[in-house]
Amino acid sequence: MLIALDKEDCLLGFDVNSMETLSGTVRLVDTDDGIQWPVDGDLVRPKLVGNNWIEGATAEMISEHRNNQGIIIDDDPVNAKLDLILELLQKKEE
């Protein structure tokens, strides 16, 4: 399976059969080369670094995503991870 990445190596989508991919595709990586699909769903904007997926969203993007999703449950594990990511991004921006 081919995974389409944008100019910042963030996930756009995938294409099983051909090189024709989503608009904005700059690079394709192949799961046959050891790259795994980011299946955990905890990342707002998955970004590929080496063979690993990290959070590619800014603090602002995460806040907007949370607002759009109506995430308000404080004991939700995904919410807790997003809180931590948001806190780290805010510290990094300071």
Protein backbone atom coordinates (compact mmCIF):
# COMPACT_ATOMS: atom_id res chain seq x y z
CA MET A 1 0.00 0.00 0.00
CA LEU A 2 1.26 3.48 -0.83
CA ILE A 3 0.89 6.24 1.77
CA ALA A 4 0.63 9.81 0.47
CA LEU A 5 2.45 12.57 2.37
CA ASP A 6 2.33 16.33 1.92
CA LYS A 7 5.30 18.72 1.77
CA GLU A 8 5.68 18.53 5.58
CA ASP A 9 5.56 14.69 5.55
CA CYS A 10 2.07 14.73 7.08
CA LEU A 11 -0.43 12.04 6.16
CA LEU A 12 -2.86 12.77 3.35
CA GLY A 13 -4.20 9.27 2.73
CA PHE A 14 -3.36 6.09 0.90
CA ASP A 15 -3.69 4.42 -2.45
CA VAL A 16 -3.73 0.65 -2.70
CA ASN A 17 -3.28 0.13 -6.42
CA SER A 18 -1.59 3.00 -8.22
CA MET A 19 0.59 6.08 -8.07
CA GLU A 20 -2.46 8.33 -8.51
CA THR A 21 -2.95 9.84 -5.07
CA LEU A 22 -4.60 12.70 -3.29
CA SER A 23 -4.12 16.32 -4.30
CA GLY A 24 -1.14 17.88 -2.55
CA THR A 25 0.89 14.68 -2.53
CA VAL A 26 4.61 15.41 -2.57
CA ARG A 27 5.96 12.02 -1.54
CA LEU A 28 4.80 8.41 -1.45
CA VAL A 29 6.02 5.78 0.99
CA ASP A 30 5.31 2.09 0.69
CA THR A 31 4.21 -0.13 3.56
CA ASP A 32 6.38 -2.83 1.95
CA ASP A 33 9.37 -0.72 3.07
CA GLY A 34 8.47 -1.13 6.76
CA ILE A 35 6.31 1.98 7.17
CA GLN A 36 3.19 1.14 9.17
CA TRP A 37 -0.18 2.87 8.81
CA PRO A 38 -0.81 5.13 11.87
CA VAL A 39 -3.72 3.12 13.27
CA ASP A 40 -3.91 4.39 16.84
CA GLY A 41 -6.04 7.42 15.90
CA ASP A 42 -4.58 9.54 18.70
CA LEU A 43 -2.78 11.85 16.29
CA VAL A 44 -4.63 14.86 14.94
CA ARG A 45 -2.18 15.28 12.04
CA PRO A 46 0.11 12.25 11.71
CA LYS A 47 3.62 13.18 10.54
CA LEU A 48 6.18 10.63 9.39
CA VAL A 49 9.68 11.00 10.85
CA GLY A 50 11.92 8.14 9.80
CA ASN A 51 9.69 5.09 10.22
CA ASN A 52 7.66 6.56 13.10
CA TRP A 53 4.51 8.64 13.23
CA ILE A 54 4.49 11.71 15.50
CA GLU A 55 2.01 14.52 16.10
CA GLY A 56 2.37 17.06 13.30
CA ALA A 57 -0.37 19.41 14.46
CA THR A 58 0.31 22.75 16.10
CA ALA A 59 -1.22 23.64 19.45
CA GLU A 60 -3.77 25.74 17.60
CA MET A 61 -4.74 22.83 15.32
CA ILE A 62 -5.22 20.53 18.31
CA SER A 63 -7.41 23.08 20.09
CA GLU A 64 -9.50 23.55 16.95
CA HIS A 65 -9.81 19.78 16.50
CA ARG A 66 -10.96 19.37 20.10
CA ASN A 67 -13.52 22.13 19.72
CA ASN A 68 -14.84 20.65 16.46
CA GLN A 69 -15.09 17.20 18.01
CA GLY A 70 -16.83 18.50 21.12
CA ILE A 71 -14.27 16.76 23.31
CA ILE A 72 -15.09 17.67 26.89
CA ILE A 73 -14.65 14.45 28.88
CA ASP A 74 -11.61 14.92 31.13
CA ASP A 75 -11.05 11.23 31.89
CA ASP A 76 -10.94 10.20 28.22
CA PRO A 77 -7.45 8.74 27.47
CA VAL A 78 -7.36 10.37 24.03
CA ASN A 79 -8.27 13.68 25.64
CA ALA A 80 -5.46 13.23 28.16
CA LYS A 81 -2.95 12.60 25.35
CA LEU A 82 -4.17 15.64 23.45
CA ASP A 83 -3.83 17.73 26.63
CA LEU A 84 -0.23 16.59 27.02
CA ILE A 85 0.59 17.25 23.36
CA LEU A 86 -1.03 20.67 23.56
CA GLU A 87 0.93 21.53 26.71
CA LEU A 88 4.23 20.44 25.16
CA LEU A 89 3.57 22.39 21.97
CA GLN A 90 2.71 25.50 23.93
CA LYS A 91 5.95 25.22 25.91
CA LYS A 92 7.89 24.71 22.69
CA GLU A 93 6.36 27.87 21.16
CA GLU A 94 7.37 29.98 24.20
